[in-house]
Amino acid sequence: MRAGGGVLRRRSKNGSTQYALVHRPRYDDWSLPKGKGDPGETDEEAALREVEEETGVRATLGPELESTRYRDRKGRLKQVRYWLMEPVDGKVPKFRPNNEIDDVRWCSAADAGKLLSQDHDRKLIRDAEALP
């Protein structure tokens, strides 16, 4: 199974950087926004769509980050390709909970590392921190 996701970051005027994390009540975990692609959709298109669906933020695609591979809860092999993303025009609308995501938090890299449920998500944040 293939999926796309984003390490969505925003920078404040004072130079600090924050990353968007999503809470999935179904799994009671904190993760980076991601999801399966629709038929005929590229991984890049899936990543942008999933980030917008899960966070409400329209984003621009930046450099591709390391992909992750793991077995999902049903034992299926899943590969997720991730890209660094930033909000279009720096705009971040107010989050509205939906059927998959009940909370979005913008966190520093350090706070994201404490909140994220999976090690591979923590590594992606560290990798993003190393990019301009």
N, C-alpha and C. Protein backbone atom coordinates (compact mmCIF):
# COMPACT_ATOMS: atom_id res chain seq x y z
N MET A 1 0.85 -1.17 0.00
CA MET A 1 0.00 0.00 0.00
C MET A 1 0.89 1.24 0.00
N ARG A 2 0.51 2.21 -0.82
CA ARG A 2 1.29 3.45 -0.92
C ARG A 2 0.50 4.60 -0.33
N ALA A 3 1.26 5.53 0.25
CA ALA A 3 0.63 6.70 0.87
C ALA A 3 1.57 7.89 0.75
N GLY A 4 1.01 9.07 0.98
CA GLY A 4 1.81 10.29 0.96
C GLY A 4 1.52 11.10 2.21
N GLY A 5 2.54 11.84 2.64
CA GLY A 5 2.37 12.65 3.84
C GLY A 5 3.26 13.87 3.83
N GLY A 6 3.08 14.70 4.83
CA GLY A 6 3.85 15.92 4.88
C GLY A 6 4.38 16.25 6.26
N VAL A 7 5.56 16.83 6.25
CA VAL A 7 6.11 17.45 7.45
C VAL A 7 5.82 18.93 7.24
N LEU A 8 4.69 19.35 7.77
CA LEU A 8 4.18 20.70 7.56
C LEU A 8 4.78 21.63 8.60
N ARG A 9 5.49 22.65 8.13
CA ARG A 9 6.11 23.58 9.07
C ARG A 9 5.71 25.02 8.74
N ARG A 10 5.74 25.83 9.77
CA ARG A 10 5.52 27.26 9.60
C ARG A 10 6.59 27.99 10.40
N ARG A 11 6.96 29.14 9.89
CA ARG A 11 7.98 29.94 10.57
C ARG A 11 7.35 31.25 11.01
N SER A 12 7.65 31.63 12.22
CA SER A 12 7.12 32.89 12.73
C SER A 12 8.05 34.02 12.35
N LYS A 13 7.58 35.23 12.53
CA LYS A 13 8.40 36.40 12.21
C LYS A 13 9.63 36.51 13.09
N ASN A 14 9.58 35.88 14.28
CA ASN A 14 10.74 35.94 15.17
C ASN A 14 11.77 34.84 14.85
N GLY A 15 11.47 34.03 13.80
CA GLY A 15 12.43 33.02 13.36
C GLY A 15 12.22 31.63 13.92
N SER A 16 11.24 31.46 14.81
CA SER A 16 11.00 30.11 15.35
C SER A 16 10.22 29.28 14.32
N THR A 17 10.40 27.98 14.41
CA THR A 17 9.75 27.04 13.49
C THR A 17 8.85 26.12 14.28
N GLN A 18 7.66 25.88 13.74
CA GLN A 18 6.72 24.94 14.36
C GLN A 18 6.26 23.94 13.31
N TYR A 19 5.91 22.75 13.81
CA TYR A 19 5.46 21.65 12.95
C TYR A 19 4.06 21.24 13.34
N ALA A 20 3.24 20.88 12.33
CA ALA A 20 1.86 20.46 12.57
C ALA A 20 1.82 18.97 12.86
N LEU A 21 1.23 18.62 14.01
CA LEU A 21 1.01 17.23 14.38
C LEU A 21 -0.50 17.02 14.46
N VAL A 22 -0.94 15.83 14.09
CA VAL A 22 -2.37 15.53 14.13
C VAL A 22 -2.64 14.41 15.12
N HIS A 23 -3.77 14.53 15.81
CA HIS A 23 -4.21 13.49 16.74
C HIS A 23 -5.32 12.68 16.07
N ARG A 24 -5.10 11.36 16.03
CA ARG A 24 -6.09 10.46 15.44
C ARG A 24 -6.78 9.70 16.58
N PRO A 25 -8.04 10.06 16.88
CA PRO A 25 -8.71 9.42 18.01
C PRO A 25 -8.91 7.92 17.82
N ARG A 26 -9.01 7.48 16.57
CA ARG A 26 -9.20 6.05 16.31
C ARG A 26 -8.04 5.22 16.88
N TYR A 27 -6.82 5.79 16.79
CA TYR A 27 -5.63 5.10 17.29
C TYR A 27 -5.10 5.73 18.58
N ASP A 28 -5.67 6.86 18.97
CA ASP A 28 -5.21 7.65 20.10
C ASP A 28 -3.71 7.88 20.02
N ASP A 29 -3.29 8.41 18.86
CA ASP A 29 -1.87 8.71 18.68
C ASP A 29 -1.68 10.08 18.04
N TRP A 30 -0.45 10.58 18.14
CA TRP A 30 -0.05 11.82 17.49
C TRP A 30 0.90 11.45 16.36
N SER A 31 0.63 11.99 15.18
CA SER A 31 1.45 11.65 14.02
C SER A 31 1.55 12.85 13.08
N LEU A 32 2.29 12.63 12.01
CA LEU A 32 2.35 13.60 10.93
C LEU A 32 1.19 13.31 10.00
N PRO A 33 0.64 14.33 9.34
CA PRO A 33 -0.49 14.08 8.43
C PRO A 33 -0.06 13.22 7.25
N LYS A 34 -0.87 12.21 6.95
CA LYS A 34 -0.56 11.29 5.85
C LYS A 34 -1.81 10.50 5.51
N GLY A 35 -1.76 9.83 4.36
CA GLY A 35 -2.87 8.95 4.00
C GLY A 35 -2.67 8.30 2.65
N LYS A 36 -3.52 7.34 2.39
CA LYS A 36 -3.47 6.58 1.14
C LYS A 36 -3.88 7.46 -0.04
N GLY A 37 -3.28 7.15 -1.19
CA GLY A 37 -3.64 7.87 -2.40
C GLY A 37 -4.93 7.34 -2.99
N ASP A 38 -5.62 8.21 -3.69
CA ASP A 38 -6.81 7.82 -4.44
C ASP A 38 -6.36 7.22 -5.77
N PRO A 39 -7.23 6.43 -6.43
CA PRO A 39 -6.87 5.86 -7.73
C PRO A 39 -6.46 6.96 -8.73
N GLY A 40 -5.33 6.73 -9.40
CA GLY A 40 -4.84 7.68 -10.40
C GLY A 40 -4.09 8.87 -9.83
N GLU A 41 -4.00 8.97 -8.53
CA GLU A 41 -3.35 10.10 -7.87
C GLU A 41 -1.87 9.77 -7.65
N THR A 42 -1.00 10.75 -7.90
CA THR A 42 0.42 10.55 -7.60
C THR A 42 0.64 10.62 -6.10
N ASP A 43 1.80 10.15 -5.66
CA ASP A 43 2.12 10.24 -4.23
C ASP A 43 2.18 11.70 -3.78
N GLU A 44 2.70 12.57 -4.64
CA GLU A 44 2.77 14.00 -4.31
C GLU A 44 1.37 14.60 -4.14
N GLU A 45 0.46 14.25 -5.07
CA GLU A 45 -0.91 14.75 -4.98
C GLU A 45 -1.59 14.22 -3.71
N ALA A 46 -1.36 12.95 -3.41
CA ALA A 46 -1.95 12.36 -2.20
C ALA A 46 -1.43 13.08 -0.96
N ALA A 47 -0.13 13.37 -0.93
CA ALA A 47 0.46 14.04 0.23
C ALA A 47 -0.17 15.42 0.44
N LEU A 48 -0.27 16.20 -0.62
CA LEU A 48 -0.86 17.54 -0.50
C LEU A 48 -2.33 17.47 -0.09
N ARG A 49 -3.08 16.54 -0.68
CA ARG A 49 -4.50 16.41 -0.36
C ARG A 49 -4.68 15.97 1.10
N GLU A 50 -3.92 14.97 1.52
CA GLU A 50 -4.05 14.48 2.89
C GLU A 50 -3.69 15.55 3.92
N VAL A 51 -2.64 16.31 3.67
CA VAL A 51 -2.26 17.38 4.59
C VAL A 51 -3.40 18.39 4.71
N GLU A 52 -4.00 18.75 3.57
CA GLU A 52 -5.10 19.72 3.62
C GLU A 52 -6.33 19.12 4.31
N GLU A 53 -6.66 17.87 4.01
CA GLU A 53 -7.82 17.24 4.64
C GLU A 53 -7.65 17.12 6.15
N GLU A 54 -6.45 16.78 6.58
CA GLU A 54 -6.23 16.51 8.00
C GLU A 54 -5.94 17.76 8.83
N THR A 55 -5.38 18.79 8.21
CA THR A 55 -5.03 20.00 8.98
C THR A 55 -5.81 21.23 8.58
N GLY A 56 -6.42 21.21 7.39
CA GLY A 56 -7.10 22.39 6.86
C GLY A 56 -6.16 23.36 6.16
N VAL A 57 -4.88 23.02 6.07
CA VAL A 57 -3.86 23.92 5.51
C VAL A 57 -3.55 23.52 4.07
N ARG A 58 -3.72 24.47 3.15
CA ARG A 58 -3.22 24.28 1.78
C ARG A 58 -1.73 24.54 1.82
N ALA A 59 -0.96 23.59 1.31
CA ALA A 59 0.50 23.67 1.44
C ALA A 59 1.19 23.60 0.09
N THR A 60 2.43 24.05 0.10
CA THR A 60 3.31 23.90 -1.06
C THR A 60 4.27 22.76 -0.78
N LEU A 61 4.61 22.05 -1.84
CA LEU A 61 5.49 20.90 -1.74
C LEU A 61 6.94 21.35 -1.76
N GLY A 62 7.71 20.91 -0.79
CA GLY A 62 9.14 21.18 -0.74
C GLY A 62 9.91 19.92 -1.07
N PRO A 63 11.14 19.81 -0.57
CA PRO A 63 11.95 18.64 -0.88
C PRO A 63 11.36 17.36 -0.29
N GLU A 64 11.60 16.26 -1.00
CA GLU A 64 11.17 14.97 -0.49
C GLU A 64 12.09 14.55 0.65
N LEU A 65 11.48 13.99 1.69
CA LEU A 65 12.20 13.48 2.84
C LEU A 65 12.26 11.96 2.76
N GLU A 66 12.83 11.34 3.75
CA GLU A 66 12.95 9.88 3.76
C GLU A 66 11.58 9.21 3.85
N SER A 67 11.38 8.19 3.03
CA SER A 67 10.15 7.40 3.09
C SER A 67 10.21 6.46 4.28
N THR A 68 9.03 6.04 4.72
CA THR A 68 8.98 5.05 5.79
C THR A 68 8.21 3.84 5.28
N ARG A 69 8.58 2.69 5.80
CA ARG A 69 7.89 1.44 5.48
C ARG A 69 7.62 0.73 6.80
N TYR A 70 6.41 0.24 6.93
CA TYR A 70 6.04 -0.48 8.14
C TYR A 70 4.80 -1.33 7.86
N ARG A 71 4.48 -2.18 8.78
CA ARG A 71 3.25 -2.96 8.69
C ARG A 71 2.16 -2.23 9.48
N ASP A 72 1.01 -2.08 8.83
CA ASP A 72 -0.09 -1.42 9.52
C ASP A 72 -0.76 -2.39 10.50
N ARG A 73 -1.80 -1.94 11.14
CA ARG A 73 -2.45 -2.75 12.18
C ARG A 73 -3.10 -4.02 11.62
N LYS A 74 -3.29 -4.05 10.30
CA LYS A 74 -3.85 -5.24 9.65
C LYS A 74 -2.76 -6.13 9.06
N GLY A 75 -1.49 -5.77 9.31
CA GLY A 75 -0.38 -6.57 8.84
C GLY A 75 0.05 -6.29 7.41
N ARG A 76 -0.54 -5.29 6.77
CA ARG A 76 -0.19 -4.95 5.39
C ARG A 76 1.05 -4.07 5.37
N LEU A 77 1.92 -4.31 4.38
CA LEU A 77 3.10 -3.47 4.23
C LEU A 77 2.66 -2.13 3.65
N LYS A 78 3.09 -1.05 4.30
CA LYS A 78 2.70 0.30 3.88
C LYS A 78 3.97 1.11 3.68
N GLN A 79 4.03 1.83 2.56
CA GLN A 79 5.13 2.76 2.31
C GLN A 79 4.54 4.15 2.24
N VAL A 80 5.11 5.07 3.02
CA VAL A 80 4.66 6.45 3.02
C VAL A 80 5.82 7.33 2.56
N ARG A 81 5.58 8.09 1.50
CA ARG A 81 6.55 9.08 1.04
C ARG A 81 6.16 10.41 1.67
N TYR A 82 7.17 11.12 2.19
CA TYR A 82 6.94 12.40 2.87
C TYR A 82 7.67 13.53 2.15
N TRP A 83 7.07 14.71 2.22
CA TRP A 83 7.70 15.92 1.72
C TRP A 83 7.63 17.00 2.79
N LEU A 84 8.65 17.83 2.80
CA LEU A 84 8.59 19.03 3.62
C LEU A 84 7.57 19.95 2.96
N MET A 85 6.71 20.55 3.74
CA MET A 85 5.67 21.44 3.22
C MET A 85 5.58 22.69 4.07
N GLU A 86 5.11 23.75 3.42
CA GLU A 86 4.83 25.00 4.12
C GLU A 86 3.48 25.53 3.66
N PRO A 87 2.76 26.25 4.53
CA PRO A 87 1.46 26.79 4.15
C PRO A 87 1.57 27.75 2.96
N VAL A 88 0.61 27.65 2.04
CA VAL A 88 0.54 28.58 0.92
C VAL A 88 0.37 29.98 1.48
N ASP A 89 1.20 30.90 1.05
CA ASP A 89 1.14 32.30 1.50
C ASP A 89 1.25 32.44 3.02
N GLY A 90 1.75 31.42 3.70
CA GLY A 90 1.90 31.47 5.14
C GLY A 90 0.59 31.41 5.91
N LYS A 91 -0.52 31.11 5.21
CA LYS A 91 -1.84 31.13 5.85
C LYS A 91 -2.16 29.80 6.51
N VAL A 92 -2.57 29.90 7.79
CA VAL A 92 -2.97 28.72 8.57
C VAL A 92 -4.37 28.99 9.12
N PRO A 93 -5.40 28.39 8.49
CA PRO A 93 -6.77 28.62 8.98
C PRO A 93 -7.01 27.92 10.31
N LYS A 94 -8.07 28.34 10.98
CA LYS A 94 -8.46 27.69 12.24
C LYS A 94 -8.84 26.24 11.93
N PHE A 95 -8.32 25.32 12.72
CA PHE A 95 -8.58 23.89 12.51
C PHE A 95 -10.01 23.54 12.89
N ARG A 96 -10.62 22.70 12.06
CA ARG A 96 -11.96 22.18 12.34
C ARG A 96 -11.86 20.66 12.42
N PRO A 97 -12.19 20.07 13.58
CA PRO A 97 -12.12 18.61 13.71
C PRO A 97 -12.96 17.91 12.63
N ASN A 98 -12.50 16.72 12.25
CA ASN A 98 -13.23 15.93 11.26
C ASN A 98 -13.30 14.48 11.73
N ASN A 99 -13.78 13.58 10.86
CA ASN A 99 -13.98 12.20 11.29
C ASN A 99 -12.69 11.43 11.54
N GLU A 100 -11.56 11.92 11.05
CA GLU A 100 -10.29 11.23 11.25
C GLU A 100 -9.38 11.92 12.28
N ILE A 101 -9.45 13.25 12.31
CA ILE A 101 -8.53 14.05 13.14
C ILE A 101 -9.34 14.93 14.07
N ASP A 102 -9.04 14.83 15.38
CA ASP A 102 -9.78 15.67 16.32
C ASP A 102 -8.98 16.82 16.89
N ASP A 103 -7.67 16.87 16.56
CA ASP A 103 -6.85 17.97 17.07
C ASP A 103 -5.61 18.12 16.19
N VAL A 104 -5.18 19.35 16.02
CA VAL A 104 -3.91 19.67 15.36
C VAL A 104 -3.14 20.56 16.32
N ARG A 105 -1.88 20.24 16.53
CA ARG A 105 -1.02 21.07 17.37
C ARG A 105 0.19 21.50 16.57
N TRP A 106 0.53 22.76 16.73
CA TRP A 106 1.76 23.30 16.14
C TRP A 106 2.79 23.33 17.25
N CYS A 107 3.90 22.62 17.04
CA CYS A 107 4.89 22.43 18.10
C CYS A 107 6.30 22.73 17.59
N SER A 108 7.15 23.11 18.52
CA SER A 108 8.57 23.17 18.21
C SER A 108 9.05 21.76 17.92
N ALA A 109 10.23 21.64 17.33
CA ALA A 109 10.79 20.31 17.06
C ALA A 109 10.96 19.52 18.36
N ALA A 110 11.41 20.18 19.41
CA ALA A 110 11.61 19.50 20.70
C ALA A 110 10.28 18.98 21.25
N ASP A 111 9.25 19.82 21.22
CA ASP A 111 7.94 19.40 21.73
C ASP A 111 7.33 18.32 20.84
N ALA A 112 7.53 18.43 19.53
CA ALA A 112 7.03 17.40 18.62
C ALA A 112 7.67 16.06 18.94
N GLY A 113 8.96 16.07 19.23
CA GLY A 113 9.65 14.84 19.57
C GLY A 113 9.06 14.16 20.80
N LYS A 114 8.56 14.95 21.74
CA LYS A 114 7.95 14.39 22.95
C LYS A 114 6.53 13.88 22.70
N LEU A 115 5.82 14.53 21.78
CA LEU A 115 4.41 14.23 21.56
C LEU A 115 4.18 13.12 20.54
N LEU A 116 5.01 13.05 19.51
CA LEU A 116 4.80 12.07 18.45
C LEU A 116 4.86 10.64 18.99
N SER A 117 4.02 9.78 18.46
CA SER A 117 3.92 8.40 18.93
C SER A 117 4.93 7.46 18.28
N GLN A 118 5.40 7.79 17.08
CA GLN A 118 6.28 6.88 16.33
C GLN A 118 7.68 7.47 16.14
N ASP A 119 8.68 6.61 16.29
CA ASP A 119 10.07 7.04 16.10
C ASP A 119 10.33 7.57 14.69
N HIS A 120 9.72 6.95 13.67
CA HIS A 120 9.99 7.40 12.30
C HIS A 120 9.48 8.82 12.09
N ASP A 121 8.40 9.22 12.77
CA ASP A 121 7.93 10.60 12.68
C ASP A 121 8.92 11.56 13.35
N ARG A 122 9.48 11.13 14.48
CA ARG A 122 10.48 11.97 15.16
C ARG A 122 11.70 12.19 14.26
N LYS A 123 12.12 11.14 13.57
CA LYS A 123 13.27 11.27 12.68
C LYS A 123 12.98 12.25 11.54
N LEU A 124 11.77 12.22 11.01
CA LEU A 124 11.41 13.15 9.93
C LEU A 124 11.47 14.61 10.42
N ILE A 125 11.05 14.85 11.65
CA ILE A 125 11.15 16.21 12.21
C ILE A 125 12.62 16.61 12.34
N ARG A 126 13.45 15.70 12.84
CA ARG A 126 14.89 16.00 12.94
C ARG A 126 15.48 16.30 11.56
N ASP A 127 15.10 15.51 10.56
CA ASP A 127 15.60 15.73 9.20
C ASP A 127 15.13 17.10 8.68
N ALA A 128 13.89 17.46 8.95
CA ALA A 128 13.35 18.75 8.50
C ALA A 128 14.10 19.90 9.18
N GLU A 129 14.46 19.73 10.42
CA GLU A 129 15.19 20.77 11.15
C GLU A 129 16.52 21.09 10.49
N ALA A 130 17.10 20.12 9.80
CA ALA A 130 18.40 20.31 9.16
C ALA A 130 18.30 21.03 7.82
N LEU A 131 17.08 21.23 7.33
CA LEU A 131 16.87 21.88 6.03
C LEU A 131 16.63 23.37 6.19
N PRO A 132 17.04 24.15 5.19
CA PRO A 132 16.80 25.60 5.27
C PRO A 132 15.32 25.95 5.16
